[in-house]
Amino acid sequence: MIDTLVKRATINKNRKPIVEIKDREVKSVGAARTTKQNEERILNFLLKFGEIERLAVLHANAETCVKNIYNVKP
């Protein structure tokens, strides 16, 4: 699954994929064209869950986005 997502991201470099890894399964949660759109999608996705016990965010050159995500309180 990750291979497929990476291939799709490589083919369409304007899309930034968002994936969820849970219980050893990887699934596509969405994608956006801009970093700002991606940040909004990730925040909206996370806010659906209320309080989160553990969260890991992997990023490439998006440190500000990650800091914003970690600072949001439900």
N, C-alpha and C. Protein backbone atom coordinates (compact mmCIF):
# COMPACT_ATOMS: atom_id res chain seq x y z
N MET A 1 0.82 -1.20 0.00
CA MET A 1 0.00 0.00 0.00
C MET A 1 0.87 1.26 0.00
N ILE A 2 1.90 1.28 0.83
CA ILE A 2 2.76 2.46 0.86
C ILE A 2 3.44 2.66 -0.49
N ASP A 3 3.87 1.57 -1.13
CA ASP A 3 4.49 1.67 -2.45
C ASP A 3 3.56 2.34 -3.44
N THR A 4 2.30 1.95 -3.41
CA THR A 4 1.31 2.53 -4.32
C THR A 4 1.14 4.01 -4.05
N LEU A 5 1.05 4.40 -2.78
CA LEU A 5 0.88 5.81 -2.43
C LEU A 5 2.09 6.64 -2.86
N VAL A 6 3.28 6.09 -2.67
CA VAL A 6 4.49 6.81 -3.08
C VAL A 6 4.53 6.96 -4.59
N LYS A 7 4.16 5.91 -5.32
CA LYS A 7 4.13 6.00 -6.78
C LYS A 7 3.14 7.06 -7.25
N ARG A 8 1.97 7.09 -6.63
CA ARG A 8 0.98 8.10 -7.01
C ARG A 8 1.50 9.50 -6.73
N ALA A 9 2.15 9.70 -5.59
CA ALA A 9 2.69 11.00 -5.24
C ALA A 9 3.80 11.40 -6.21
N THR A 10 4.58 10.44 -6.66
CA THR A 10 5.67 10.71 -7.59
C THR A 10 5.12 11.08 -8.96
N ILE A 11 4.07 10.41 -9.38
CA ILE A 11 3.45 10.69 -10.68
C ILE A 11 2.84 12.08 -10.70
N ASN A 12 2.14 12.44 -9.66
CA ASN A 12 1.49 13.74 -9.59
C ASN A 12 2.13 14.55 -8.47
N LYS A 13 3.20 15.24 -8.78
CA LYS A 13 3.98 15.95 -7.77
C LYS A 13 3.24 17.12 -7.15
N ASN A 14 2.14 17.54 -7.75
CA ASN A 14 1.37 18.65 -7.19
C ASN A 14 0.46 18.21 -6.05
N ARG A 15 0.31 16.92 -5.85
CA ARG A 15 -0.56 16.40 -4.78
C ARG A 15 0.30 15.93 -3.62
N LYS A 16 -0.13 16.28 -2.42
CA LYS A 16 0.58 15.86 -1.21
C LYS A 16 -0.30 14.86 -0.48
N PRO A 17 0.08 13.59 -0.48
CA PRO A 17 -0.79 12.56 0.10
C PRO A 17 -0.81 12.61 1.63
N ILE A 18 -1.95 12.24 2.19
CA ILE A 18 -2.11 12.10 3.63
C ILE A 18 -2.48 10.64 3.87
N VAL A 19 -1.71 9.95 4.69
CA VAL A 19 -1.99 8.55 4.97
C VAL A 19 -2.16 8.34 6.47
N GLU A 20 -2.93 7.34 6.80
CA GLU A 20 -3.13 6.93 8.19
C GLU A 20 -2.57 5.52 8.33
N ILE A 21 -1.78 5.31 9.36
CA ILE A 21 -1.27 3.97 9.68
C ILE A 21 -1.85 3.61 11.03
N LYS A 22 -2.69 2.60 11.04
CA LYS A 22 -3.37 2.20 12.27
C LYS A 22 -3.54 0.69 12.26
N ASP A 23 -3.20 0.07 13.37
CA ASP A 23 -3.32 -1.38 13.48
C ASP A 23 -2.64 -2.10 12.31
N ARG A 24 -1.45 -1.64 11.97
CA ARG A 24 -0.63 -2.23 10.91
C ARG A 24 -1.22 -2.10 9.51
N GLU A 25 -2.19 -1.25 9.34
CA GLU A 25 -2.78 -1.03 8.03
C GLU A 25 -2.55 0.42 7.61
N VAL A 26 -2.25 0.59 6.33
CA VAL A 26 -2.03 1.92 5.77
C VAL A 26 -3.18 2.23 4.84
N LYS A 27 -3.78 3.40 5.04
CA LYS A 27 -4.84 3.79 4.12
C LYS A 27 -4.72 5.27 3.77
N SER A 28 -5.13 5.59 2.58
CA SER A 28 -5.11 6.97 2.12
C SER A 28 -6.27 7.72 2.77
N VAL A 29 -5.95 8.87 3.35
CA VAL A 29 -6.97 9.68 4.00
C VAL A 29 -7.35 10.85 3.09
N GLY A 30 -6.46 11.18 2.18
CA GLY A 30 -6.74 12.27 1.26
C GLY A 30 -5.46 12.81 0.67
N ALA A 31 -5.60 13.91 -0.04
CA ALA A 31 -4.45 14.59 -0.63
C ALA A 31 -4.87 16.02 -0.94
N ALA A 32 -3.90 16.89 -1.04
CA ALA A 32 -4.20 18.29 -1.33
C ALA A 32 -3.11 18.84 -2.25
N ARG A 33 -3.42 19.95 -2.87
CA ARG A 33 -2.46 20.56 -3.78
C ARG A 33 -1.48 21.49 -3.06
N THR A 34 -1.91 22.09 -1.96
CA THR A 34 -1.03 23.03 -1.26
C THR A 34 -0.77 22.56 0.16
N THR A 35 0.30 23.06 0.72
CA THR A 35 0.65 22.73 2.10
C THR A 35 -0.44 23.21 3.05
N LYS A 36 -0.97 24.39 2.81
CA LYS A 36 -2.03 24.94 3.66
C LYS A 36 -3.28 24.06 3.62
N GLN A 37 -3.67 23.62 2.43
CA GLN A 37 -4.81 22.72 2.30
C GLN A 37 -4.56 21.42 3.04
N ASN A 38 -3.34 20.91 2.94
CA ASN A 38 -3.00 19.68 3.63
C ASN A 38 -3.09 19.85 5.14
N GLU A 39 -2.56 20.97 5.64
CA GLU A 39 -2.62 21.24 7.07
C GLU A 39 -4.07 21.28 7.56
N GLU A 40 -4.94 21.94 6.80
CA GLU A 40 -6.35 22.02 7.17
C GLU A 40 -7.00 20.64 7.16
N ARG A 41 -6.70 19.83 6.16
CA ARG A 41 -7.27 18.47 6.10
C ARG A 41 -6.81 17.62 7.27
N ILE A 42 -5.53 17.71 7.59
CA ILE A 42 -5.00 16.93 8.71
C ILE A 42 -5.65 17.37 10.01
N LEU A 43 -5.75 18.68 10.23
CA LEU A 43 -6.37 19.18 11.46
C LEU A 43 -7.83 18.74 11.57
N ASN A 44 -8.57 18.87 10.49
CA ASN A 44 -9.98 18.44 10.50
C ASN A 44 -10.09 16.94 10.77
N PHE A 45 -9.21 16.15 10.18
CA PHE A 45 -9.20 14.71 10.39
C PHE A 45 -8.93 14.39 11.86
N LEU A 46 -7.94 15.05 12.45
CA LEU A 46 -7.59 14.80 13.85
C LEU A 46 -8.65 15.27 14.83
N LEU A 47 -9.30 16.38 14.53
CA LEU A 47 -10.32 16.92 15.44
C LEU A 47 -11.53 16.00 15.56
N LYS A 48 -11.75 15.14 14.59
CA LYS A 48 -12.86 14.18 14.65
C LYS A 48 -12.70 13.19 15.81
N PHE A 49 -11.44 12.97 16.23
CA PHE A 49 -11.17 11.95 17.23
C PHE A 49 -11.19 12.45 18.66
N GLY A 50 -11.27 13.75 18.88
CA GLY A 50 -11.22 14.27 20.24
C GLY A 50 -9.81 14.14 20.79
N GLU A 51 -9.70 13.66 22.02
CA GLU A 51 -8.39 13.53 22.65
C GLU A 51 -7.65 12.34 22.05
N ILE A 52 -6.40 12.55 21.70
CA ILE A 52 -5.57 11.51 21.08
C ILE A 52 -4.46 11.14 22.05
N GLU A 53 -4.31 9.84 22.29
CA GLU A 53 -3.27 9.37 23.21
C GLU A 53 -1.88 9.47 22.62
N ARG A 54 -1.74 9.01 21.37
CA ARG A 54 -0.43 9.00 20.71
C ARG A 54 -0.59 9.50 19.28
N LEU A 55 0.37 10.29 18.85
CA LEU A 55 0.33 10.82 17.50
C LEU A 55 1.75 10.95 16.98
N ALA A 56 1.99 10.46 15.80
CA ALA A 56 3.28 10.64 15.14
C ALA A 56 3.02 11.26 13.78
N VAL A 57 3.77 12.29 13.45
CA VAL A 57 3.61 12.95 12.16
C VAL A 57 4.95 12.89 11.45
N LEU A 58 4.94 12.28 10.27
CA LEU A 58 6.14 12.22 9.43
C LEU A 58 6.00 13.30 8.36
N HIS A 59 7.05 14.05 8.16
CA HIS A 59 6.96 15.14 7.20
C HIS A 59 8.29 15.33 6.48
N ALA A 60 8.21 16.05 5.40
CA ALA A 60 9.41 16.44 4.66
C ALA A 60 9.34 17.96 4.49
N ASN A 61 10.19 18.65 5.24
CA ASN A 61 10.26 20.12 5.17
C ASN A 61 8.94 20.79 5.52
N ALA A 62 8.23 20.26 6.50
CA ALA A 62 6.95 20.85 6.92
C ALA A 62 6.91 21.01 8.44
N GLU A 63 8.02 21.45 9.00
CA GLU A 63 8.12 21.55 10.46
C GLU A 63 7.08 22.50 11.05
N THR A 64 6.83 23.61 10.41
CA THR A 64 5.83 24.56 10.90
C THR A 64 4.45 23.93 10.94
N CYS A 65 4.10 23.20 9.90
CA CYS A 65 2.81 22.51 9.85
C CYS A 65 2.68 21.53 11.01
N VAL A 66 3.72 20.76 11.25
CA VAL A 66 3.70 19.77 12.33
C VAL A 66 3.54 20.46 13.68
N LYS A 67 4.24 21.55 13.90
CA LYS A 67 4.11 22.31 15.15
C LYS A 67 2.68 22.80 15.33
N ASN A 68 2.07 23.28 14.26
CA ASN A 68 0.68 23.74 14.33
C ASN A 68 -0.26 22.60 14.70
N ILE A 69 -0.03 21.43 14.14
CA ILE A 69 -0.87 20.27 14.42
C ILE A 69 -0.75 19.87 15.89
N TYR A 70 0.46 19.84 16.41
CA TYR A 70 0.66 19.43 17.80
C TYR A 70 0.11 20.46 18.79
N ASN A 71 -0.05 21.70 18.38
CA ASN A 71 -0.54 22.74 19.29
C ASN A 71 -2.05 22.88 19.32
N VAL A 72 -2.76 22.16 18.48
CA VAL A 72 -4.22 22.25 18.43
C VAL A 72 -4.82 21.43 19.57
N LYS A 73 -5.78 22.03 20.25
CA LYS A 73 -6.50 21.35 21.32
C LYS A 73 -7.94 21.14 20.88
N PRO A 74 -8.49 19.93 21.07
CA PRO A 74 -9.88 19.67 20.64
C PRO A 74 -10.88 20.49 21.44
